[in-house]
Amino acid sequence: MKSIVTLFISALIVSCTDGKPSESFVERSFKSKHETKFKDFVEVIDFEKTNGAEYEIFGRKGYEADFKAKIKYIKSCWTGGYVDGLVRCQAGKPKPRKSIWYSNTNYRKIKVGSIKEITGRITFEKTDKGWKAPDGVIY
């Protein structure tokens, strides 16, 4: 009897989803990326999926999810801003580097407790097993 109820609830949950990554999937992907790289420096305190769109390019299906998030700095660090989907943060002041392609001379020190709002986009790829996030996890 217990397995029949579990099967019924599972079928109900699957039938109610619209086949797109949910807000919780997008949030988990975002947190996973930030907590892996900067777990000692930042904490995600608020997250909202603001928009999303499915796409297909050369037969490959995907989904782009726009988001807005707030992060709180739990340790003092040096940052150069929000680049490549990650909040750049490191303990020591970086050495200035300049090239024709990149410059990191705009670093500034962030105090403990500072809160920053960021926006961005996370792209998921449709696979046979579900939606694959940039971190390689399938949701």
N, C-alpha and C. Protein backbone atom coordinates (compact mmCIF):
# COMPACT_ATOMS: atom_id res chain seq x y z
N MET A 1 0.82 -1.20 0.00
CA MET A 1 0.00 0.00 0.00
C MET A 1 0.86 1.26 0.00
N LYS A 2 1.92 1.23 0.82
CA LYS A 2 2.81 2.39 0.93
C LYS A 2 3.49 2.68 -0.41
N SER A 3 3.90 1.63 -1.14
CA SER A 3 4.56 1.82 -2.43
C SER A 3 3.59 2.34 -3.48
N ILE A 4 2.32 1.98 -3.38
CA ILE A 4 1.32 2.48 -4.32
C ILE A 4 1.11 3.97 -4.11
N VAL A 5 1.05 4.41 -2.86
CA VAL A 5 0.88 5.84 -2.55
C VAL A 5 2.11 6.61 -3.04
N THR A 6 3.30 6.08 -2.81
CA THR A 6 4.53 6.73 -3.26
C THR A 6 4.55 6.84 -4.78
N LEU A 7 4.16 5.78 -5.49
CA LEU A 7 4.10 5.78 -6.94
C LEU A 7 3.11 6.82 -7.44
N PHE A 8 1.94 6.91 -6.80
CA PHE A 8 0.92 7.88 -7.18
C PHE A 8 1.42 9.31 -7.00
N ILE A 9 2.07 9.59 -5.87
CA ILE A 9 2.58 10.93 -5.60
C ILE A 9 3.68 11.29 -6.60
N SER A 10 4.56 10.33 -6.91
CA SER A 10 5.64 10.57 -7.89
C SER A 10 5.05 10.90 -9.26
N ALA A 11 4.04 10.14 -9.67
CA ALA A 11 3.40 10.38 -10.97
C ALA A 11 2.73 11.75 -10.99
N LEU A 12 2.12 12.13 -9.89
CA LEU A 12 1.46 13.43 -9.79
C LEU A 12 2.48 14.56 -9.91
N ILE A 13 3.61 14.43 -9.22
CA ILE A 13 4.65 15.46 -9.27
C ILE A 13 5.21 15.59 -10.68
N VAL A 14 5.50 14.47 -11.33
CA VAL A 14 6.04 14.49 -12.69
C VAL A 14 5.04 15.11 -13.66
N SER A 15 3.77 14.79 -13.52
CA SER A 15 2.77 15.32 -14.44
C SER A 15 2.52 16.80 -14.24
N CYS A 16 2.87 17.35 -13.07
CA CYS A 16 2.62 18.76 -12.79
C CYS A 16 3.77 19.66 -13.24
N THR A 17 4.93 19.11 -13.57
CA THR A 17 6.04 19.96 -14.00
C THR A 17 5.89 20.27 -15.47
N ASP A 18 6.38 21.44 -15.88
CA ASP A 18 6.24 21.85 -17.27
C ASP A 18 7.48 21.53 -18.10
N GLY A 19 8.42 20.76 -17.56
CA GLY A 19 9.58 20.34 -18.32
C GLY A 19 10.71 21.34 -18.39
N LYS A 20 10.64 22.43 -17.66
CA LYS A 20 11.69 23.44 -17.64
C LYS A 20 12.36 23.43 -16.27
N PRO A 21 13.62 23.90 -16.19
CA PRO A 21 14.24 24.00 -14.87
C PRO A 21 13.45 24.95 -13.97
N SER A 22 13.13 24.48 -12.78
CA SER A 22 12.35 25.31 -11.86
C SER A 22 13.25 26.34 -11.19
N GLU A 23 12.63 27.25 -10.47
CA GLU A 23 13.41 28.27 -9.75
C GLU A 23 14.35 27.63 -8.75
N SER A 24 13.91 26.55 -8.11
CA SER A 24 14.78 25.88 -7.14
C SER A 24 15.99 25.23 -7.82
N PHE A 25 15.82 24.69 -9.05
CA PHE A 25 16.95 24.14 -9.79
C PHE A 25 17.96 25.23 -10.12
N VAL A 26 17.46 26.36 -10.60
CA VAL A 26 18.33 27.48 -10.98
C VAL A 26 19.07 27.99 -9.74
N GLU A 27 18.35 28.12 -8.63
CA GLU A 27 18.97 28.59 -7.39
C GLU A 27 20.05 27.62 -6.90
N ARG A 28 19.76 26.32 -6.95
CA ARG A 28 20.76 25.33 -6.52
C ARG A 28 22.01 25.38 -7.39
N SER A 29 21.83 25.57 -8.69
CA SER A 29 22.97 25.67 -9.60
C SER A 29 23.81 26.91 -9.27
N PHE A 30 23.15 28.03 -9.04
CA PHE A 30 23.84 29.28 -8.69
C PHE A 30 24.61 29.13 -7.38
N LYS A 31 23.93 28.59 -6.36
CA LYS A 31 24.57 28.42 -5.05
C LYS A 31 25.73 27.44 -5.12
N SER A 32 25.56 26.37 -5.88
CA SER A 32 26.61 25.38 -6.02
C SER A 32 27.87 26.02 -6.59
N LYS A 33 27.69 26.83 -7.61
CA LYS A 33 28.83 27.49 -8.25
C LYS A 33 29.54 28.45 -7.29
N HIS A 34 28.76 29.23 -6.55
CA HIS A 34 29.35 30.21 -5.63
C HIS A 34 29.90 29.57 -4.37
N GLU A 35 29.20 28.60 -3.83
CA GLU A 35 29.66 27.98 -2.59
C GLU A 35 30.92 27.14 -2.81
N THR A 36 31.10 26.61 -4.01
CA THR A 36 32.30 25.83 -4.30
C THR A 36 33.52 26.75 -4.37
N LYS A 37 33.40 27.84 -5.09
CA LYS A 37 34.54 28.74 -5.30
C LYS A 37 34.79 29.69 -4.13
N PHE A 38 33.73 30.18 -3.49
CA PHE A 38 33.88 31.25 -2.52
C PHE A 38 33.18 30.98 -1.20
N LYS A 39 33.15 29.71 -0.78
CA LYS A 39 32.40 29.34 0.42
C LYS A 39 32.88 30.06 1.67
N ASP A 40 34.15 30.44 1.70
CA ASP A 40 34.67 31.12 2.88
C ASP A 40 34.43 32.63 2.86
N PHE A 41 33.98 33.17 1.72
CA PHE A 41 33.86 34.62 1.58
C PHE A 41 32.44 35.14 1.43
N VAL A 42 31.59 34.42 0.69
CA VAL A 42 30.25 34.93 0.42
C VAL A 42 29.17 33.93 0.79
N GLU A 43 27.98 34.47 1.05
CA GLU A 43 26.81 33.65 1.36
C GLU A 43 25.64 34.21 0.55
N VAL A 44 24.91 33.35 -0.14
CA VAL A 44 23.75 33.78 -0.91
C VAL A 44 22.60 33.96 0.07
N ILE A 45 22.05 35.18 0.14
CA ILE A 45 20.98 35.44 1.11
C ILE A 45 19.61 35.60 0.46
N ASP A 46 19.58 35.82 -0.87
CA ASP A 46 18.30 35.95 -1.56
C ASP A 46 18.51 35.58 -3.03
N PHE A 47 17.53 34.91 -3.62
CA PHE A 47 17.65 34.50 -5.01
C PHE A 47 16.27 34.51 -5.65
N GLU A 48 16.21 35.00 -6.89
CA GLU A 48 14.95 35.01 -7.63
C GLU A 48 15.22 34.77 -9.11
N LYS A 49 14.52 33.80 -9.68
CA LYS A 49 14.57 33.58 -11.13
C LYS A 49 13.63 34.61 -11.73
N THR A 50 14.15 35.50 -12.58
CA THR A 50 13.34 36.60 -13.10
C THR A 50 12.73 36.33 -14.46
N ASN A 51 13.34 35.42 -15.23
CA ASN A 51 12.83 35.11 -16.55
C ASN A 51 13.49 33.83 -17.04
N GLY A 52 12.97 33.27 -18.10
CA GLY A 52 13.57 32.08 -18.67
C GLY A 52 13.04 31.85 -20.07
N ALA A 53 13.87 31.20 -20.89
CA ALA A 53 13.45 30.91 -22.26
C ALA A 53 14.12 29.64 -22.76
N GLU A 54 13.33 28.81 -23.43
CA GLU A 54 13.88 27.61 -24.06
C GLU A 54 14.44 28.00 -25.42
N TYR A 55 15.44 27.25 -25.87
CA TYR A 55 15.99 27.48 -27.20
C TYR A 55 16.45 26.16 -27.80
N GLU A 56 16.66 26.17 -29.12
CA GLU A 56 17.20 25.01 -29.81
C GLU A 56 18.16 25.50 -30.88
N ILE A 57 19.40 25.00 -30.84
CA ILE A 57 20.41 25.37 -31.82
C ILE A 57 21.02 24.09 -32.36
N PHE A 58 20.90 23.90 -33.67
CA PHE A 58 21.44 22.71 -34.34
C PHE A 58 20.99 21.42 -33.67
N GLY A 59 19.74 21.37 -33.26
CA GLY A 59 19.17 20.17 -32.67
C GLY A 59 19.43 20.01 -31.17
N ARG A 60 20.23 20.86 -30.58
CA ARG A 60 20.50 20.80 -29.13
C ARG A 60 19.56 21.75 -28.42
N LYS A 61 18.87 21.22 -27.43
CA LYS A 61 17.90 22.02 -26.69
C LYS A 61 18.53 22.55 -25.41
N GLY A 62 18.10 23.74 -25.04
CA GLY A 62 18.61 24.35 -23.82
C GLY A 62 17.60 25.29 -23.20
N TYR A 63 17.98 25.84 -22.07
CA TYR A 63 17.12 26.77 -21.35
C TYR A 63 18.00 27.81 -20.69
N GLU A 64 17.69 29.08 -20.91
CA GLU A 64 18.43 30.17 -20.28
C GLU A 64 17.55 30.78 -19.20
N ALA A 65 18.09 30.84 -18.00
CA ALA A 65 17.34 31.39 -16.86
C ALA A 65 18.03 32.66 -16.37
N ASP A 66 17.31 33.77 -16.40
CA ASP A 66 17.81 35.02 -15.85
C ASP A 66 17.52 35.04 -14.36
N PHE A 67 18.40 35.67 -13.59
CA PHE A 67 18.21 35.70 -12.15
C PHE A 67 18.66 37.02 -11.54
N LYS A 68 18.21 37.22 -10.32
CA LYS A 68 18.64 38.33 -9.48
C LYS A 68 18.95 37.72 -8.12
N ALA A 69 20.10 38.07 -7.56
CA ALA A 69 20.50 37.49 -6.28
C ALA A 69 21.15 38.54 -5.39
N LYS A 70 21.12 38.28 -4.10
CA LYS A 70 21.84 39.11 -3.13
C LYS A 70 22.85 38.21 -2.44
N ILE A 71 24.09 38.70 -2.36
CA ILE A 71 25.11 37.97 -1.64
C ILE A 71 25.62 38.83 -0.50
N LYS A 72 26.02 38.17 0.56
CA LYS A 72 26.57 38.85 1.73
C LYS A 72 28.01 38.37 1.92
N TYR A 73 28.91 39.32 2.08
CA TYR A 73 30.31 38.97 2.32
C TYR A 73 30.47 38.62 3.79
N ILE A 74 30.91 37.39 4.06
CA ILE A 74 31.08 36.94 5.45
C ILE A 74 32.53 37.04 5.91
N LYS A 75 33.41 37.42 4.99
CA LYS A 75 34.81 37.68 5.28
C LYS A 75 35.25 38.86 4.44
N SER A 76 36.17 39.62 4.95
CA SER A 76 36.74 40.71 4.18
C SER A 76 37.57 40.13 3.03
N CYS A 77 37.47 40.74 1.85
CA CYS A 77 38.23 40.23 0.71
C CYS A 77 38.41 41.33 -0.33
N TRP A 78 39.20 41.03 -1.34
CA TRP A 78 39.41 41.92 -2.48
C TRP A 78 38.60 41.38 -3.65
N THR A 79 37.91 42.27 -4.34
CA THR A 79 37.07 41.84 -5.45
C THR A 79 37.25 42.75 -6.65
N GLY A 80 37.03 42.14 -7.81
CA GLY A 80 37.07 42.90 -9.05
C GLY A 80 35.70 42.94 -9.70
N GLY A 81 34.69 42.52 -8.96
CA GLY A 81 33.33 42.58 -9.47
C GLY A 81 32.77 41.22 -9.81
N TYR A 82 31.77 41.23 -10.65
CA TYR A 82 31.03 40.04 -11.05
C TYR A 82 31.45 39.70 -12.47
N VAL A 83 32.22 38.63 -12.64
CA VAL A 83 32.76 38.27 -13.95
C VAL A 83 32.51 36.79 -14.20
N ASP A 84 32.08 36.45 -15.41
CA ASP A 84 31.92 35.05 -15.81
C ASP A 84 31.00 34.28 -14.87
N GLY A 85 29.95 34.92 -14.39
CA GLY A 85 28.97 34.25 -13.56
C GLY A 85 29.40 34.00 -12.13
N LEU A 86 30.54 34.53 -11.73
CA LEU A 86 31.01 34.34 -10.36
C LEU A 86 31.39 35.68 -9.75
N VAL A 87 31.23 35.78 -8.46
CA VAL A 87 31.68 36.95 -7.74
C VAL A 87 33.16 36.72 -7.44
N ARG A 88 34.01 37.53 -8.00
CA ARG A 88 35.45 37.38 -7.79
C ARG A 88 35.79 37.89 -6.40
N CYS A 89 36.47 37.08 -5.63
CA CYS A 89 36.82 37.45 -4.26
C CYS A 89 38.04 36.65 -3.83
N GLN A 90 39.03 37.33 -3.29
CA GLN A 90 40.20 36.63 -2.79
C GLN A 90 40.74 37.33 -1.55
N ALA A 91 41.48 36.60 -0.75
CA ALA A 91 41.94 37.09 0.54
C ALA A 91 42.97 38.22 0.41
N GLY A 92 43.99 38.03 -0.38
CA GLY A 92 45.04 39.04 -0.51
C GLY A 92 44.83 39.93 -1.71
N LYS A 93 45.37 41.16 -1.63
CA LYS A 93 45.24 42.08 -2.76
C LYS A 93 46.01 41.52 -3.95
N PRO A 94 45.35 41.42 -5.12
CA PRO A 94 46.01 40.87 -6.30
C PRO A 94 47.06 41.83 -6.86
N LYS A 95 48.06 41.26 -7.52
CA LYS A 95 49.07 42.07 -8.17
C LYS A 95 48.47 42.63 -9.46
N PRO A 96 48.70 43.92 -9.74
CA PRO A 96 48.16 44.49 -10.99
C PRO A 96 48.71 43.77 -12.22
N ARG A 97 47.82 43.50 -13.15
CA ARG A 97 48.16 42.83 -14.40
C ARG A 97 47.48 43.58 -15.52
N LYS A 98 48.19 43.91 -16.53
CA LYS A 98 47.57 44.58 -17.67
C LYS A 98 47.97 43.87 -18.95
N SER A 99 47.05 43.78 -19.84
CA SER A 99 47.31 43.28 -21.18
C SER A 99 46.32 43.95 -22.10
N ILE A 100 46.42 43.70 -23.37
CA ILE A 100 45.46 44.32 -24.28
C ILE A 100 44.07 43.70 -24.13
N TRP A 101 44.00 42.51 -23.50
CA TRP A 101 42.73 41.81 -23.35
C TRP A 101 42.11 41.95 -21.97
N TYR A 102 42.93 42.21 -20.96
CA TYR A 102 42.43 42.12 -19.60
C TYR A 102 43.21 43.04 -18.67
N SER A 103 42.52 43.64 -17.74
CA SER A 103 43.18 44.45 -16.71
C SER A 103 42.50 44.18 -15.38
N ASN A 104 43.28 44.00 -14.33
CA ASN A 104 42.68 43.76 -13.03
C ASN A 104 43.07 44.86 -12.03
N THR A 105 43.25 46.05 -12.54
CA THR A 105 43.68 47.15 -11.67
C THR A 105 42.52 47.79 -10.92
N ASN A 106 41.29 47.35 -11.14
CA ASN A 106 40.13 47.96 -10.51
C ASN A 106 39.64 47.20 -9.27
N TYR A 107 40.50 46.46 -8.60
CA TYR A 107 40.11 45.73 -7.39
C TYR A 107 39.86 46.68 -6.24
N ARG A 108 38.93 46.31 -5.35
CA ARG A 108 38.66 47.10 -4.16
C ARG A 108 38.40 46.16 -2.99
N LYS A 109 38.61 46.67 -1.81
CA LYS A 109 38.42 45.84 -0.62
C LYS A 109 36.95 45.88 -0.19
N ILE A 110 36.40 44.73 0.11
CA ILE A 110 35.01 44.60 0.55
C ILE A 110 35.01 44.28 2.05
N LYS A 111 34.18 44.99 2.79
CA LYS A 111 34.09 44.77 4.23
C LYS A 111 33.12 43.65 4.57
N VAL A 112 33.35 43.04 5.72
CA VAL A 112 32.46 41.99 6.23
C VAL A 112 31.06 42.58 6.41
N GLY A 113 30.05 41.83 5.99
CA GLY A 113 28.67 42.29 6.14
C GLY A 113 28.13 43.05 4.95
N SER A 114 29.00 43.41 4.00
CA SER A 114 28.54 44.11 2.80
C SER A 114 27.60 43.20 2.00
N ILE A 115 26.57 43.81 1.43
CA ILE A 115 25.60 43.07 0.62
C ILE A 115 25.63 43.63 -0.79
N LYS A 116 25.65 42.72 -1.77
CA LYS A 116 25.70 43.12 -3.18
C LYS A 116 24.59 42.41 -3.94
N GLU A 117 23.90 43.19 -4.78
CA GLU A 117 22.89 42.61 -5.67
C GLU A 117 23.55 42.33 -7.01
N ILE A 118 23.31 41.15 -7.54
CA ILE A 118 23.85 40.79 -8.84
C ILE A 118 22.75 40.20 -9.72
N THR A 119 22.91 40.35 -11.01
CA THR A 119 22.00 39.75 -11.98
C THR A 119 22.84 38.95 -12.96
N GLY A 120 22.21 38.00 -13.60
CA GLY A 120 22.94 37.20 -14.57
C GLY A 120 22.05 36.19 -15.24
N ARG A 121 22.69 35.25 -15.92
CA ARG A 121 21.97 34.22 -16.68
C ARG A 121 22.70 32.89 -16.52
N ILE A 122 21.95 31.83 -16.30
CA ILE A 122 22.49 30.48 -16.22
C ILE A 122 21.88 29.68 -17.36
N THR A 123 22.73 28.98 -18.10
CA THR A 123 22.27 28.19 -19.24
C THR A 123 22.29 26.71 -18.90
N PHE A 124 21.17 26.05 -19.11
CA PHE A 124 21.03 24.62 -18.89
C PHE A 124 20.93 23.92 -20.24
N GLU A 125 21.47 22.70 -20.31
CA GLU A 125 21.39 21.90 -21.53
C GLU A 125 20.47 20.71 -21.29
N LYS A 126 19.55 20.46 -22.23
CA LYS A 126 18.62 19.34 -22.12
C LYS A 126 19.35 18.04 -22.45
N THR A 127 19.26 17.06 -21.55
CA THR A 127 19.84 15.74 -21.78
C THR A 127 18.75 14.69 -21.61
N ASP A 128 19.09 13.44 -21.88
CA ASP A 128 18.12 12.35 -21.70
C ASP A 128 17.70 12.21 -20.24
N LYS A 129 18.60 12.55 -19.33
CA LYS A 129 18.32 12.36 -17.90
C LYS A 129 17.78 13.61 -17.21
N GLY A 130 17.71 14.73 -17.91
CA GLY A 130 17.20 15.97 -17.31
C GLY A 130 17.98 17.17 -17.80
N TRP A 131 17.95 18.25 -17.01
CA TRP A 131 18.64 19.49 -17.39
C TRP A 131 20.03 19.51 -16.77
N LYS A 132 21.06 19.68 -17.61
CA LYS A 132 22.44 19.73 -17.14
C LYS A 132 22.85 21.18 -16.90
N ALA A 133 23.26 21.45 -15.67
CA ALA A 133 23.68 22.79 -15.27
C ALA A 133 25.16 23.01 -15.64
N PRO A 134 25.63 24.25 -15.60
CA PRO A 134 27.04 24.54 -15.90
C PRO A 134 28.02 23.79 -15.00
N ASP A 135 27.60 23.45 -13.78
CA ASP A 135 28.49 22.73 -12.87
C ASP A 135 28.52 21.23 -13.15
N GLY A 136 27.78 20.79 -14.19
CA GLY A 136 27.77 19.38 -14.58
C GLY A 136 26.72 18.54 -13.90
N VAL A 137 26.04 19.10 -12.92
CA VAL A 137 24.99 18.38 -12.20
C VAL A 137 23.73 18.35 -13.05
N ILE A 138 23.08 17.18 -13.09
CA ILE A 138 21.83 17.04 -13.83
C ILE A 138 20.67 17.14 -12.85
N TYR A 139 19.76 18.08 -13.12
CA TYR A 139 18.61 18.30 -12.26
C TYR A 139 17.36 17.71 -12.89
